[in-house]
């Protein structure tokens, strides 16, 4: 006799991979239905909820490949990547990576990155909000401390880079577009910032240096390290203009400053830090 946990795990596996024999022995039918019929109802409901979440997050992908292809890909994805969250709106994060290795999408080389862009937009809509930033707080930081700043990006911010013109593809497949726009896949790639401002999500093209700086800051690099990353791509990178744009525009919303190397009773790590919101 399996334990409750073993039975639950067997049920979860059988629900997704259709291996009914592994679970039917431990199930009873409901309202006069057999155990197999009851399981089928539950399976259809589960897959229906997952499909709905994927359609909501990836409307452009569905438009590009068609409903039949999308539904089959969704079924295959669901079987190998069930949700780990109680909120179905958070389901689907790995769909772009899945498409990158999906045999039937092998020739659609741009498809995984379009999916990653759609997920970034979806996540931006779901992200929490923060107070509007004000660049004036940066002026209070001593010049000798600027290099040690570590910035926090807005919770909705997403950064992408693709060798394909995924922004043009995304725009051409929005509601109201006829989908007949001619897009040259050899026209070059893009680097993008996805960011929610108010109720709207913006998608902004970035140059290589600006993208490198933001990627570094998102990884909790210091401002000096982010500057090095940017200047490796553009020796004329203007750090002041970059900070003004992304603090005033809401990309950068917070920063941490190490004020001195002296120990402080509050942290025990040999440094004293103040957290300063840009607001």
Protein backbone atom coordinates (compact mmCIF):
# COMPACT_ATOMS: atom_id res chain seq x y z
CA UNK A 1 0.00 0.00 0.00
CA UNK A 2 1.64 3.29 -1.05
CA UNK A 3 1.92 6.20 1.35
CA UNK A 4 -0.23 9.28 0.83
CA UNK A 5 2.72 11.16 -0.66
CA UNK A 6 3.57 8.30 -3.02
CA UNK A 7 -0.05 8.13 -4.14
CA UNK A 8 -0.14 11.90 -4.71
CA UNK A 9 3.10 11.84 -6.72
CA UNK A 10 1.85 8.90 -8.78
CA UNK A 11 -1.41 10.74 -9.43
CA UNK A 12 0.42 13.90 -10.54
CA UNK A 13 2.64 11.95 -12.94
CA UNK A 14 -0.26 9.96 -14.32
CA UNK A 15 -2.38 13.06 -14.75
CA UNK A 16 0.17 14.63 -17.10
CA UNK A 17 1.60 11.64 -18.95
CA UNK A 18 -1.67 9.71 -19.32
CA UNK A 19 -0.29 6.61 -17.59
CA UNK A 20 -3.63 5.80 -16.00
CA UNK A 21 -2.61 2.36 -14.84
CA UNK A 22 -0.27 3.90 -12.26
CA UNK A 23 -3.09 5.69 -10.46
CA UNK A 24 -6.45 4.09 -11.22
CA UNK A 25 -5.98 1.41 -8.59
CA UNK A 26 -5.99 4.11 -5.92
CA UNK A 27 -8.95 6.14 -7.22
CA UNK A 28 -12.69 5.92 -6.83
CA UNK A 29 -15.14 7.35 -9.34
CA UNK A 30 -17.40 10.27 -8.51
CA UNK A 31 -21.16 10.68 -9.03
CA UNK A 32 -21.58 7.32 -10.66
CA UNK A 33 -18.61 7.67 -13.03
CA UNK A 34 -15.80 5.17 -13.24
CA UNK A 35 -12.39 6.07 -11.86
CA UNK A 36 -11.06 6.32 -15.44
CA UNK A 37 -13.82 8.75 -16.47
CA UNK A 38 -13.31 10.85 -13.35
CA UNK A 39 -9.58 11.01 -14.01
CA UNK A 40 -10.20 12.07 -17.61
CA UNK A 41 -12.40 14.96 -16.45
CA UNK A 42 -9.71 16.09 -14.01
CA UNK A 43 -7.00 15.76 -16.67
CA UNK A 44 -8.99 17.79 -19.20
CA UNK A 45 -9.60 20.51 -16.64
CA UNK A 46 -5.92 20.67 -15.68
CA UNK A 47 -4.71 20.82 -19.27
CA UNK A 48 -7.41 23.38 -20.06
CA UNK A 49 -6.18 25.68 -17.29
CA UNK A 50 -2.57 25.34 -18.44
CA UNK A 51 -3.55 25.96 -22.06
CA UNK A 52 -5.44 29.08 -21.04
CA UNK A 53 -2.41 30.41 -19.19
CA UNK A 54 -0.12 29.76 -22.17
CA UNK A 55 -2.53 31.37 -24.63
CA UNK A 56 -2.74 34.42 -22.37
CA UNK A 57 1.04 34.74 -22.12
CA UNK A 58 1.93 33.85 -25.72
CA UNK A 59 -0.66 35.27 -28.16
CA UNK A 60 1.99 36.20 -30.73
CA UNK A 61 3.44 32.68 -30.74
CA UNK A 62 -0.04 31.26 -31.35
CA UNK A 63 -0.60 33.73 -34.19
CA UNK A 64 2.74 32.86 -35.77
CA UNK A 65 2.35 29.07 -35.70
CA UNK A 66 -1.41 28.58 -35.73
CA UNK A 67 -3.74 27.03 -33.18
CA UNK A 68 -3.07 23.37 -34.00
CA UNK A 69 0.71 23.72 -33.74
CA UNK A 70 0.41 25.82 -30.59
CA UNK A 71 -1.94 23.37 -28.88
CA UNK A 72 0.35 20.42 -29.62
CA UNK A 73 3.42 22.32 -28.41
CA UNK A 74 1.51 23.37 -25.29
CA UNK A 75 0.52 19.77 -24.56
CA UNK A 76 4.12 18.62 -24.92
CA UNK A 77 5.37 21.48 -22.74
CA UNK A 78 2.78 20.85 -20.03
CA UNK A 79 3.76 17.20 -19.75
CA UNK A 80 7.40 18.01 -19.01
CA UNK A 81 6.95 21.29 -17.12
CA UNK A 82 3.92 21.29 -14.81
CA UNK A 83 3.31 24.38 -12.74
CA UNK A 84 5.11 24.77 -9.43
CA UNK A 85 2.98 27.77 -8.40
CA UNK A 86 -0.52 28.08 -7.05
CA UNK A 87 -1.13 31.09 -9.31
CA UNK A 88 -1.75 29.92 -12.88
CA UNK A 89 -0.78 33.40 -14.15
CA UNK A 90 2.82 32.54 -13.27
CA UNK A 91 2.83 29.46 -15.47
CA UNK A 92 4.82 29.28 -18.70
CA UNK A 93 8.21 30.79 -17.88
CA UNK A 94 10.22 28.14 -19.71
CA UNK A 95 8.19 28.01 -22.93
CA UNK A 96 10.83 29.91 -24.92
CA UNK A 97 13.57 27.50 -23.84
CA UNK A 98 11.26 24.59 -24.65
CA UNK A 99 10.67 25.90 -28.18
CA UNK A 100 14.42 26.22 -28.70
CA UNK A 101 14.73 22.42 -28.49
CA UNK A 102 11.31 21.52 -29.91
CA UNK A 103 11.86 19.45 -33.07
CA UNK A 104 8.79 20.79 -34.87
CA UNK A 105 10.01 24.38 -34.40
CA UNK A 106 13.54 23.70 -35.60
CA UNK A 107 13.20 25.85 -38.72
CA UNK A 108 11.50 28.74 -36.89
CA UNK A 109 14.79 29.99 -35.49
CA UNK A 110 13.35 33.26 -34.20
CA UNK A 111 10.44 31.65 -32.33
CA UNK A 112 12.15 31.01 -28.94
CA UNK A 113 13.27 34.64 -28.63
CA UNK A 114 9.82 35.94 -29.59
CA UNK A 115 8.45 33.74 -26.81
CA UNK A 116 11.02 35.12 -24.36
CA UNK A 117 9.95 38.65 -25.30
CA UNK A 118 6.30 37.75 -24.76
CA UNK A 119 7.10 36.29 -21.35
CA UNK A 120 9.00 39.44 -20.36
CA UNK A 121 5.96 41.53 -21.33
CA UNK A 122 3.66 39.17 -19.43
CA UNK A 123 5.87 39.33 -16.34
CA UNK A 124 6.05 43.10 -16.54
CA UNK A 125 2.27 43.31 -16.32
CA UNK A 126 2.31 40.98 -13.29
CA UNK A 127 5.15 42.69 -11.39
CA UNK A 128 4.60 44.75 -8.27
CA UNK A 129 4.78 48.54 -8.50
CA UNK A 130 7.15 50.89 -6.71
CA UNK A 131 7.19 54.61 -6.00
CA UNK A 132 8.20 56.85 -8.92
CA UNK A 133 11.97 57.53 -8.84
CA UNK A 134 13.64 60.92 -8.66
CA UNK A 135 17.14 61.47 -10.02
CA UNK A 136 17.81 64.16 -7.40
CA UNK A 137 18.79 61.56 -4.77
CA UNK A 138 21.83 60.57 -6.82
CA UNK A 139 23.14 64.12 -6.42
CA UNK A 140 23.44 63.49 -2.67
CA UNK A 141 25.96 60.69 -3.14
CA UNK A 142 29.60 61.83 -2.59
CA UNK A 143 31.51 61.69 -5.90
CA UNK A 144 34.12 59.36 -4.41
CA UNK A 145 31.39 56.83 -3.58
CA UNK A 146 29.68 56.68 -6.97
CA UNK A 147 31.77 53.79 -8.25
CA UNK A 148 30.61 51.56 -5.37
CA UNK A 149 26.88 52.04 -5.95
CA UNK A 150 24.81 48.94 -6.63
CA UNK A 151 21.48 49.61 -8.28
CA UNK A 152 18.15 47.81 -8.19
CA UNK A 153 16.08 47.70 -11.34
CA UNK A 154 12.31 48.13 -11.35
CA UNK A 155 10.56 44.79 -10.57
CA UNK A 156 8.96 44.84 -14.03
CA UNK A 157 12.24 45.34 -15.90
CA UNK A 158 13.30 42.65 -18.34
CA UNK A 159 16.38 42.59 -20.57
CA UNK A 160 16.69 40.58 -23.77
CA UNK A 161 19.14 40.21 -26.62
CA UNK A 162 18.42 38.35 -29.83
CA UNK A 163 20.12 37.94 -33.20
CA UNK A 164 16.66 38.22 -34.81
CA UNK A 165 14.37 41.25 -35.31
CA UNK A 166 11.97 40.01 -32.64
CA UNK A 167 10.55 43.44 -31.81
CA UNK A 168 9.45 43.93 -35.42
CA UNK A 169 7.92 40.43 -35.41
CA UNK A 170 6.13 41.13 -32.13
CA UNK A 171 4.76 44.46 -33.35
CA UNK A 172 3.57 42.99 -36.64
CA UNK A 173 1.48 40.45 -34.75
CA UNK A 174 -0.35 42.71 -32.33
CA UNK A 175 -4.16 43.06 -32.39
CA UNK A 176 -5.21 45.29 -35.25
CA UNK A 177 -2.27 44.31 -37.46
CA UNK A 178 -3.02 42.19 -40.51
CA UNK A 179 0.07 40.03 -39.97
CA UNK A 180 1.20 40.51 -43.54
CA UNK A 181 4.16 42.79 -42.81
CA UNK A 182 7.35 41.75 -44.57
CA UNK A 183 10.15 41.26 -42.05
CA UNK A 184 13.69 40.56 -43.15
CA UNK A 185 15.19 38.04 -40.74
CA UNK A 186 18.64 39.14 -41.90
CA UNK A 187 18.03 42.75 -40.90
CA UNK A 188 19.89 42.29 -37.62
CA UNK A 189 19.26 41.54 -34.00
CA UNK A 190 18.03 43.67 -31.14
CA UNK A 191 18.71 44.39 -27.50
CA UNK A 192 15.61 45.31 -25.56
CA UNK A 193 14.39 46.71 -22.26
CA UNK A 194 10.87 45.73 -21.20
CA UNK A 195 9.46 48.02 -18.51
CA UNK A 196 6.03 48.83 -17.12
CA UNK A 197 5.28 52.51 -16.61
CA UNK A 198 1.92 53.06 -15.00
CA UNK A 199 -0.52 50.71 -16.71
CA UNK A 200 1.48 50.36 -19.92
CA UNK A 201 4.41 48.11 -20.74
CA UNK A 202 7.04 49.69 -22.96
CA UNK A 203 9.59 47.85 -25.08
CA UNK A 204 12.66 49.97 -25.78
CA UNK A 205 15.56 49.15 -28.09
CA UNK A 206 18.99 49.55 -26.46
CA UNK A 207 22.43 49.90 -27.93
CA UNK A 208 25.07 47.33 -27.00
CA UNK A 209 26.74 49.46 -24.32
CA UNK A 210 23.52 50.49 -22.61
CA UNK A 211 22.30 46.90 -22.60
CA UNK A 212 25.60 45.68 -21.15
CA UNK A 213 25.44 48.24 -18.35
CA UNK A 214 21.88 47.32 -17.40
CA UNK A 215 22.61 43.59 -17.52
CA UNK A 216 25.56 44.17 -15.18
CA UNK A 217 23.49 46.26 -12.77
CA UNK A 218 20.68 43.69 -12.82
CA UNK A 219 23.30 41.13 -11.73
CA UNK A 220 24.17 43.41 -8.77
CA UNK A 221 27.45 44.67 -10.21
CA UNK A 222 28.82 47.96 -8.93
CA UNK A 223 28.47 51.07 -11.06
CA UNK A 224 32.19 50.86 -11.83
CA UNK A 225 31.79 47.28 -13.08
CA UNK A 226 28.77 48.26 -15.15
CA UNK A 227 30.76 51.10 -16.68
CA UNK A 228 33.57 48.70 -17.59
CA UNK A 229 31.05 46.39 -19.27
CA UNK A 230 29.58 49.28 -21.25
CA UNK A 231 32.91 50.76 -22.29
CA UNK A 232 34.05 47.36 -23.54
CA UNK A 233 31.38 47.84 -26.21
CA UNK A 234 31.58 51.61 -26.64
CA UNK A 235 34.56 53.62 -25.43
CA UNK A 236 32.49 56.82 -25.65
CA UNK A 237 29.71 55.53 -23.38
CA UNK A 238 28.20 58.46 -21.44
CA UNK A 239 27.59 57.25 -17.88
CA UNK A 240 25.91 60.48 -16.75
CA UNK A 241 23.37 60.40 -19.56
CA UNK A 242 22.75 56.72 -18.92
CA UNK A 243 22.01 57.29 -15.22
CA UNK A 244 19.79 60.27 -15.91
CA UNK A 245 17.76 58.40 -18.49
CA UNK A 246 17.24 55.23 -16.50
CA UNK A 247 16.69 56.81 -13.10
CA UNK A 248 14.30 59.44 -14.45
CA UNK A 249 12.62 56.87 -16.69
CA UNK A 250 12.00 54.40 -13.89
CA UNK A 251 14.42 51.60 -14.79
CA UNK A 252 16.60 52.23 -11.74
CA UNK A 253 14.59 52.60 -8.55
CA UNK A 254 16.95 51.95 -5.66
CA UNK A 255 20.62 51.79 -4.77
CA UNK A 256 22.87 50.57 -2.00
CA UNK A 257 25.91 52.58 -0.93
CA UNK A 258 28.79 51.37 1.25
CA UNK A 259 29.56 54.49 3.26
CA UNK A 260 32.67 53.38 5.12
CA UNK A 261 34.83 50.32 5.81
CA UNK A 262 34.25 50.67 9.58
CA UNK A 263 32.42 47.84 11.36
CA UNK A 264 28.86 48.53 12.37
CA UNK A 265 26.99 46.69 15.14
CA UNK A 266 24.06 46.27 12.78
CA UNK A 267 25.50 44.01 10.09
CA UNK A 268 28.65 42.27 11.33
CA UNK A 269 30.24 42.23 7.88
CA UNK A 270 32.87 44.95 8.38
CA UNK A 271 31.01 47.68 6.50
CA UNK A 272 28.32 50.23 7.18
CA UNK A 273 25.61 50.52 4.52
CA UNK A 274 22.69 52.84 4.00
CA UNK A 275 19.93 51.90 1.58
CA UNK A 276 18.73 54.94 -0.30
CA UNK A 277 15.62 54.89 -2.43
CA UNK A 278 15.74 57.17 -5.47
CA UNK A 279 12.55 58.97 -4.52
